[in-house]
Amino acid sequence: SPTVAKPKLTEIQNESIKKVLESAVEQTAVTKIYDPAYVVLPYPNGDVPIEKGVCTDVVVRAFRKAGVDLQKEVHE
């Protein structure tokens, strides 16, 4: 089967998806410390300092920038 080319970020048309992806890419310049320690977070909108966290912290932050509180959605 032929290989299907994946779209580049600049080619993505859906603004919500684009915001999520752009935020995740932006965080690679900020979230530099991997810290898997368990932290009790306020709910909703709880977060650890942006310079640290784990992969799920990056994903939650990226969705929030697009207007979706993934922490709340998963909890509910």
PDB file of N, CA and C in Angstrom:
ATOM      1  N   SER A   1       0.842  -1.185   0.000  1.00  0.00           N
ATOM      2  CA  SER A   1       0.000   0.000   0.000  1.00  0.00           C
ATOM      3  C   SER A   1       0.882   1.241   0.000  1.00  0.00           C
ATOM      4  N   PRO A   2       0.451   2.281  -0.703  1.00  0.00           N
ATOM      5  CA  PRO A   2       1.269   3.495  -0.808  1.00  0.00           C
ATOM      6  C   PRO A   2       1.318   4.251   0.521  1.00  0.00           C
ATOM      7  N   THR A   3       2.418   4.927   0.728  1.00  0.00           N
ATOM      8  CA  THR A   3       2.577   5.736   1.936  1.00  0.00           C
ATOM      9  C   THR A   3       1.791   7.028   1.775  1.00  0.00           C
ATOM     10  N   VAL A   4       0.997   7.368   2.797  1.00  0.00           N
ATOM     11  CA  VAL A   4       0.201   8.593   2.769  1.00  0.00           C
ATOM     12  C   VAL A   4       0.987   9.679   3.481  1.00  0.00           C
ATOM     13  N   ALA A   5       1.162  10.812   2.806  1.00  0.00           N
ATOM     14  CA  ALA A   5       1.901  11.923   3.402  1.00  0.00           C
ATOM     15  C   ALA A   5       1.088  12.549   4.522  1.00  0.00           C
ATOM     16  N   LYS A   6       1.737  12.788   5.656  1.00  0.00           N
ATOM     17  CA  LYS A   6       1.069  13.419   6.781  1.00  0.00           C
ATOM     18  C   LYS A   6       1.114  14.932   6.585  1.00  0.00           C
ATOM     19  N   PRO A   7       0.022  15.633   6.932  1.00  0.00           N
ATOM     20  CA  PRO A   7       0.025  17.087   6.749  1.00  0.00           C
ATOM     21  C   PRO A   7       0.994  17.755   7.711  1.00  0.00           C
ATOM     22  N   LYS A   8       1.593  18.848   7.266  1.00  0.00           N
ATOM     23  CA  LYS A   8       2.456  19.655   8.119  1.00  0.00           C
ATOM     24  C   LYS A   8       1.567  20.562   8.952  1.00  0.00           C
ATOM     25  N   LEU A   9       2.080  21.024  10.089  1.00  0.00           N
ATOM     26  CA  LEU A   9       1.317  21.891  10.974  1.00  0.00           C
ATOM     27  C   LEU A   9       0.775  23.109  10.224  1.00  0.00           C
ATOM     28  N   THR A  10       1.547  23.647   9.307  1.00  0.00           N
ATOM     29  CA  THR A  10       1.110  24.834   8.553  1.00  0.00           C
ATOM     30  C   THR A  10      -0.023  24.520   7.581  1.00  0.00           C
ATOM     31  N   GLU A  11      -0.255  23.242   7.295  1.00  0.00           N
ATOM     32  CA  GLU A  11      -1.304  22.836   6.368  1.00  0.00           C
ATOM     33  C   GLU A  11      -2.616  22.465   7.059  1.00  0.00           C
ATOM     34  N   ILE A  12      -2.597  22.361   8.360  1.00  0.00           N
ATOM     35  CA  ILE A  12      -3.798  21.950   9.090  1.00  0.00           C
ATOM     36  C   ILE A  12      -4.795  23.101   9.108  1.00  0.00           C
ATOM     37  N   GLN A  13      -6.023  22.820   8.724  1.00  0.00           N
ATOM     38  CA  GLN A  13      -7.049  23.843   8.578  1.00  0.00           C
ATOM     39  C   GLN A  13      -7.926  24.017   9.812  1.00  0.00           C
ATOM     40  N   ASN A  14      -8.203  22.948  10.537  1.00  0.00           N
ATOM     41  CA  ASN A  14      -9.081  23.031  11.695  1.00  0.00           C
ATOM     42  C   ASN A  14      -8.383  23.820  12.791  1.00  0.00           C
ATOM     43  N   GLU A  15      -8.923  24.982  13.131  1.00  0.00           N
ATOM     44  CA  GLU A  15      -8.270  25.893  14.079  1.00  0.00           C
ATOM     45  C   GLU A  15      -8.099  25.296  15.470  1.00  0.00           C
ATOM     46  N   SER A  16      -9.064  24.521  15.949  1.00  0.00           N
ATOM     47  CA  SER A  16      -8.936  23.922  17.274  1.00  0.00           C
ATOM     48  C   SER A  16      -7.778  22.936  17.318  1.00  0.00           C
ATOM     49  N   ILE A  17      -7.690  22.083  16.323  1.00  0.00           N
ATOM     50  CA  ILE A  17      -6.593  21.115  16.268  1.00  0.00           C
ATOM     51  C   ILE A  17      -5.272  21.851  16.131  1.00  0.00           C
ATOM     52  N   LYS A  18      -5.256  22.866  15.310  1.00  0.00           N
ATOM     53  CA  LYS A  18      -4.039  23.644  15.099  1.00  0.00           C
ATOM     54  C   LYS A  18      -3.580  24.298  16.407  1.00  0.00           C
ATOM     55  N   LYS A  19      -4.506  24.838  17.202  1.00  0.00           N
ATOM     56  CA  LYS A  19      -4.151  25.454  18.484  1.00  0.00           C
ATOM     57  C   LYS A  19      -3.556  24.433  19.444  1.00  0.00           C
ATOM     58  N   VAL A  20      -4.145  23.246  19.495  1.00  0.00           N
ATOM     59  CA  VAL A  20      -3.624  22.186  20.366  1.00  0.00           C
ATOM     60  C   VAL A  20      -2.189  21.844  19.957  1.00  0.00           C
ATOM     61  N   LEU A  21      -1.972  21.625  18.680  1.00  0.00           N
ATOM     62  CA  LEU A  21      -0.644  21.240  18.200  1.00  0.00           C
ATOM     63  C   LEU A  21       0.372  22.355  18.381  1.00  0.00           C
ATOM     64  N   GLU A  22      -0.016  23.589  18.075  1.00  0.00           N
ATOM     65  CA  GLU A  22       0.901  24.715  18.246  1.00  0.00           C
ATOM     66  C   GLU A  22       1.294  24.888  19.715  1.00  0.00           C
ATOM     67  N   SER A  23       0.343  24.747  20.613  1.00  0.00           N
ATOM     68  CA  SER A  23       0.630  24.871  22.035  1.00  0.00           C
ATOM     69  C   SER A  23       1.593  23.780  22.495  1.00  0.00           C
ATOM     70  N   ALA A  24       1.383  22.567  22.044  1.00  0.00           N
ATOM     71  CA  ALA A  24       2.275  21.470  22.424  1.00  0.00           C
ATOM     72  C   ALA A  24       3.696  21.740  21.919  1.00  0.00           C
ATOM     73  N   VAL A  25       3.811  22.226  20.700  1.00  0.00           N
ATOM     74  CA  VAL A  25       5.134  22.550  20.146  1.00  0.00           C
ATOM     75  C   VAL A  25       5.770  23.693  20.941  1.00  0.00           C
ATOM     76  N   GLU A  26       4.999  24.731  21.268  1.00  0.00           N
ATOM     77  CA  GLU A  26       5.514  25.864  22.053  1.00  0.00           C
ATOM     78  C   GLU A  26       6.047  25.395  23.407  1.00  0.00           C
ATOM     79  N   GLN A  27       5.368  24.446  24.011  1.00  0.00           N
ATOM     80  CA  GLN A  27       5.774  23.970  25.330  1.00  0.00           C
ATOM     81  C   GLN A  27       7.126  23.269  25.315  1.00  0.00           C
ATOM     82  N   THR A  28       7.554  22.784  24.170  1.00  0.00           N
ATOM     83  CA  THR A  28       8.861  22.121  24.116  1.00  0.00           C
ATOM     84  C   THR A  28       9.988  23.098  24.427  1.00  0.00           C
ATOM     85  N   ALA A  29       9.724  24.402  24.331  1.00  0.00           N
ATOM     86  CA  ALA A  29      10.721  25.416  24.679  1.00  0.00           C
ATOM     87  C   ALA A  29      10.606  25.837  26.143  1.00  0.00           C
ATOM     88  N   VAL A  30       9.547  25.408  26.831  1.00  0.00           N
ATOM     89  CA  VAL A  30       9.288  25.852  28.199  1.00  0.00           C
ATOM     90  C   VAL A  30       9.330  24.691  29.199  1.00  0.00           C
ATOM     91  N   THR A  31       8.635  23.624  28.888  1.00  0.00           N
ATOM     92  CA  THR A  31       8.537  22.484  29.801  1.00  0.00           C
ATOM     93  C   THR A  31       9.778  21.618  29.606  1.00  0.00           C
ATOM     94  N   LYS A  32      10.793  21.874  30.416  1.00  0.00           N
ATOM     95  CA  LYS A  32      12.093  21.224  30.231  1.00  0.00           C
ATOM     96  C   LYS A  32      12.426  20.189  31.293  1.00  0.00           C
ATOM     97  N   ILE A  33      11.671  20.183  32.406  1.00  0.00           N
ATOM     98  CA  ILE A  33      12.004  19.289  33.513  1.00  0.00           C
ATOM     99  C   ILE A  33      10.957  18.181  33.608  1.00  0.00           C
ATOM    100  N   TYR A  34      11.416  16.932  33.444  1.00  0.00           N
ATOM    101  CA  TYR A  34      10.515  15.791  33.620  1.00  0.00           C
ATOM    102  C   TYR A  34      10.408  15.526  35.111  1.00  0.00           C
ATOM    103  N   ASP A  35       9.206  15.649  35.659  1.00  0.00           N
ATOM    104  CA  ASP A  35       9.001  15.449  37.090  1.00  0.00           C
ATOM    105  C   ASP A  35       7.753  14.602  37.304  1.00  0.00           C
ATOM    106  N   PRO A  36       7.932  13.290  37.514  1.00  0.00           N
ATOM    107  CA  PRO A  36       6.790  12.403  37.681  1.00  0.00           C
ATOM    108  C   PRO A  36       6.220  12.364  39.099  1.00  0.00           C
ATOM    109  N   ALA A  37       6.688  13.248  39.979  1.00  0.00           N
ATOM    110  CA  ALA A  37       6.202  13.242  41.362  1.00  0.00           C
ATOM    111  C   ALA A  37       4.697  13.506  41.398  1.00  0.00           C
ATOM    112  N   TYR A  38       4.013  12.807  42.296  1.00  0.00           N
ATOM    113  CA  TYR A  38       2.574  13.006  42.464  1.00  0.00           C
ATOM    114  C   TYR A  38       2.340  14.324  43.194  1.00  0.00           C
ATOM    115  N   VAL A  39       1.451  15.150  42.644  1.00  0.00           N
ATOM    116  CA  VAL A  39       1.121  16.444  43.234  1.00  0.00           C
ATOM    117  C   VAL A  39      -0.395  16.560  43.271  1.00  0.00           C
ATOM    118  N   VAL A  40      -0.944  16.948  44.410  1.00  0.00           N
ATOM    119  CA  VAL A  40      -2.379  17.204  44.504  1.00  0.00           C
ATOM    120  C   VAL A  40      -2.642  18.549  43.840  1.00  0.00           C
ATOM    121  N   LEU A  41      -3.545  18.554  42.865  1.00  0.00           N
ATOM    122  CA  LEU A  41      -3.846  19.772  42.107  1.00  0.00           C
ATOM    123  C   LEU A  41      -5.229  20.292  42.448  1.00  0.00           C
ATOM    124  N   PRO A  42      -5.393  21.612  42.422  1.00  0.00           N
ATOM    125  CA  PRO A  42      -6.741  22.146  42.576  1.00  0.00           C
ATOM    126  C   PRO A  42      -7.596  21.706  41.380  1.00  0.00           C
ATOM    127  N   TYR A  43      -8.882  21.644  41.578  1.00  0.00           N
ATOM    128  CA  TYR A  43      -9.799  21.245  40.496  1.00  0.00           C
ATOM    129  C   TYR A  43     -10.928  22.240  40.413  1.00  0.00           C
ATOM    130  N   PRO A  44     -11.288  22.693  39.222  1.00  0.00           N
ATOM    131  CA  PRO A  44     -10.640  22.467  37.927  1.00  0.00           C
ATOM    132  C   PRO A  44      -9.455  23.418  37.737  1.00  0.00           C
ATOM    133  N   ASN A  45      -8.812  23.293  36.621  1.00  0.00           N
ATOM    134  CA  ASN A  45      -7.698  24.144  36.174  1.00  0.00           C
ATOM    135  C   ASN A  45      -6.418  23.976  36.966  1.00  0.00           C
ATOM    136  N   GLY A  46      -6.251  22.891  37.698  1.00  0.00           N
ATOM    137  CA  GLY A  46      -5.011  22.669  38.417  1.00  0.00           C
ATOM    138  C   GLY A  46      -3.870  22.354  37.466  1.00  0.00           C
ATOM    139  N   ASP A  47      -2.664  22.761  37.849  1.00  0.00           N
ATOM    140  CA  ASP A  47      -1.492  22.489  37.036  1.00  0.00           C
ATOM    141  C   ASP A  47      -0.253  22.634  37.890  1.00  0.00           C
ATOM    142  N   VAL A  48       0.798  21.929  37.519  1.00  0.00           N
ATOM    143  CA  VAL A  48       2.106  22.118  38.127  1.00  0.00           C
ATOM    144  C   VAL A  48       2.774  23.269  37.386  1.00  0.00           C
ATOM    145  N   PRO A  49       3.868  23.822  37.912  1.00  0.00           N
ATOM    146  CA  PRO A  49       4.551  24.901  37.189  1.00  0.00           C
ATOM    147  C   PRO A  49       4.867  24.487  35.752  1.00  0.00           C
ATOM    148  N   ILE A  50       4.680  25.395  34.810  1.00  0.00           N
ATOM    149  CA  ILE A  50       4.777  25.068  33.384  1.00  0.00           C
ATOM    150  C   ILE A  50       6.150  24.564  32.960  1.00  0.00           C
ATOM    151  N   GLU A  51       7.188  24.876  33.737  1.00  0.00           N
ATOM    152  CA  GLU A  51       8.528  24.434  33.336  1.00  0.00           C
ATOM    153  C   GLU A  51       8.795  22.970  33.662  1.00  0.00           C
ATOM    154  N   LYS A  52       7.842  22.312  34.365  1.00  0.00           N
ATOM    155  CA  LYS A  52       8.041  20.900  34.665  1.00  0.00           C
ATOM    156  C   LYS A  52       6.744  20.124  34.499  1.00  0.00           C
ATOM    157  N   GLY A  53       6.889  18.799  34.522  1.00  0.00           N
ATOM    158  CA  GLY A  53       5.721  17.935  34.406  1.00  0.00           C
ATOM    159  C   GLY A  53       6.046  16.679  33.635  1.00  0.00           C
ATOM    160  N   VAL A  54       5.009  16.015  33.176  1.00  0.00           N
ATOM    161  CA  VAL A  54       5.149  14.803  32.368  1.00  0.00           C
ATOM    162  C   VAL A  54       4.350  15.005  31.085  1.00  0.00           C
ATOM    163  N   CYS A  55       4.342  14.010  30.221  1.00  0.00           N
ATOM    164  CA  CYS A  55       3.697  14.155  28.916  1.00  0.00           C
ATOM    165  C   CYS A  55       2.222  14.538  29.038  1.00  0.00           C
ATOM    166  N   THR A  56       1.516  13.980  30.015  1.00  0.00           N
ATOM    167  CA  THR A  56       0.097  14.314  30.140  1.00  0.00           C
ATOM    168  C   THR A  56      -0.112  15.770  30.529  1.00  0.00           C
ATOM    169  N   ASP A  57       0.831  16.352  31.278  1.00  0.00           N
ATOM    170  CA  ASP A  57       0.727  17.779  31.607  1.00  0.00           C
ATOM    171  C   ASP A  57       0.791  18.620  30.334  1.00  0.00           C
ATOM    172  N   VAL A  58       1.671  18.251  29.426  1.00  0.00           N
ATOM    173  CA  VAL A  58       1.796  18.971  28.157  1.00  0.00           C
ATOM    174  C   VAL A  58       0.507  18.854  27.349  1.00  0.00           C
ATOM    175  N   VAL A  59      -0.064  17.654  27.316  1.00  0.00           N
ATOM    176  CA  VAL A  59      -1.304  17.437  26.563  1.00  0.00           C
ATOM    177  C   VAL A  59      -2.452  18.251  27.161  1.00  0.00           C
ATOM    178  N   VAL A  60      -2.606  18.230  28.485  1.00  0.00           N
ATOM    179  CA  VAL A  60      -3.678  18.992  29.144  1.00  0.00           C
ATOM    180  C   VAL A  60      -3.511  20.477  28.865  1.00  0.00           C
ATOM    181  N   ARG A  61      -2.275  20.987  28.970  1.00  0.00           N
ATOM    182  CA  ARG A  61      -2.024  22.411  28.697  1.00  0.00           C
ATOM    183  C   ARG A  61      -2.329  22.764  27.251  1.00  0.00           C
ATOM    184  N   ALA A  62      -1.980  21.886  26.334  1.00  0.00           N
ATOM    185  CA  ALA A  62      -2.230  22.148  24.919  1.00  0.00           C
ATOM    186  C   ALA A  62      -3.729  22.237  24.641  1.00  0.00           C
ATOM    187  N   PHE A  63      -4.513  21.341  25.225  1.00  0.00           N
ATOM    188  CA  PHE A  63      -5.966  21.402  25.033  1.00  0.00           C
ATOM    189  C   PHE A  63      -6.564  22.649  25.673  1.00  0.00           C
ATOM    190  N   ARG A  64      -6.046  23.043  26.831  1.00  0.00           N
ATOM    191  CA  ARG A  64      -6.564  24.256  27.480  1.00  0.00           C
ATOM    192  C   ARG A  64      -6.361  25.480  26.602  1.00  0.00           C
ATOM    193  N   LYS A  65      -5.235  25.546  25.923  1.00  0.00           N
ATOM    194  CA  LYS A  65      -4.976  26.693  25.046  1.00  0.00           C
ATOM    195  C   LYS A  65      -5.985  26.727  23.897  1.00  0.00           C
ATOM    196  N   ALA A  66      -6.526  25.576  23.556  1.00  0.00           N
ATOM    197  CA  ALA A  66      -7.540  25.502  22.502  1.00  0.00           C
ATOM    198  C   ALA A  66      -8.952  25.635  23.063  1.00  0.00           C
ATOM    199  N   GLY A  67      -9.053  25.876  24.393  1.00  0.00           N
ATOM    200  CA  GLY A  67     -10.365  26.105  24.988  1.00  0.00           C
ATOM    201  C   GLY A  67     -11.041  24.883  25.568  1.00  0.00           C
ATOM    202  N   VAL A  68     -10.313  23.773  25.697  1.00  0.00           N
ATOM    203  CA  VAL A  68     -10.891  22.542  26.250  1.00  0.00           C
ATOM    204  C   VAL A  68     -10.127  22.180  27.522  1.00  0.00           C
ATOM    205  N   ASP A  69     -10.839  22.070  28.644  1.00  0.00           N
ATOM    206  CA  ASP A  69     -10.200  21.641  29.883  1.00  0.00           C
ATOM    207  C   ASP A  69     -10.284  20.124  29.946  1.00  0.00           C
ATOM    208  N   LEU A  70      -9.258  19.481  29.438  1.00  0.00           N
ATOM    209  CA  LEU A  70      -9.227  18.016  29.361  1.00  0.00           C
ATOM    210  C   LEU A  70      -9.276  17.393  30.749  1.00  0.00           C
ATOM    211  N   GLN A  71      -8.666  18.032  31.734  1.00  0.00           N
ATOM    212  CA  GLN A  71      -8.729  17.533  33.117  1.00  0.00           C
ATOM    213  C   GLN A  71     -10.190  17.426  33.570  1.00  0.00           C
ATOM    214  N   LYS A  72     -10.957  18.443  33.325  1.00  0.00           N
ATOM    215  CA  LYS A  72     -12.371  18.449  33.710  1.00  0.00           C
ATOM    216  C   LYS A  72     -13.169  17.445  32.897  1.00  0.00           C
ATOM    217  N   GLU A  73     -12.935  17.408  31.592  1.00  0.00           N
ATOM    218  CA  GLU A  73     -13.683  16.501  30.714  1.00  0.00           C
ATOM    219  C   GLU A  73     -13.457  15.039  31.102  1.00  0.00           C
ATOM    220  N   VAL A  74     -12.227  14.676  31.400  1.00  0.00           N
ATOM    221  CA  VAL A  74     -11.931  13.290  31.781  1.00  0.00           C
ATOM    222  C   VAL A  74     -12.536  12.988  33.147  1.00  0.00           C
ATOM    223  N   HIS A  75     -12.431  13.934  34.079  1.00  0.00           N
ATOM    224  CA  HIS A  75     -12.951  13.733  35.417  1.00  0.00           C
ATOM    225  C   HIS A  75     -14.480  13.536  35.391  1.00  0.00           C
ATOM    226  N   GLU A  76     -15.153  14.331  34.604  1.00  0.00           N
ATOM    227  CA  GLU A  76     -16.609  14.264  34.559  1.00  0.00           C
ATOM    228  C   GLU A  76     -17.088  13.136  33.691  1.00  0.00           C
TER     229      GLU A  76
END
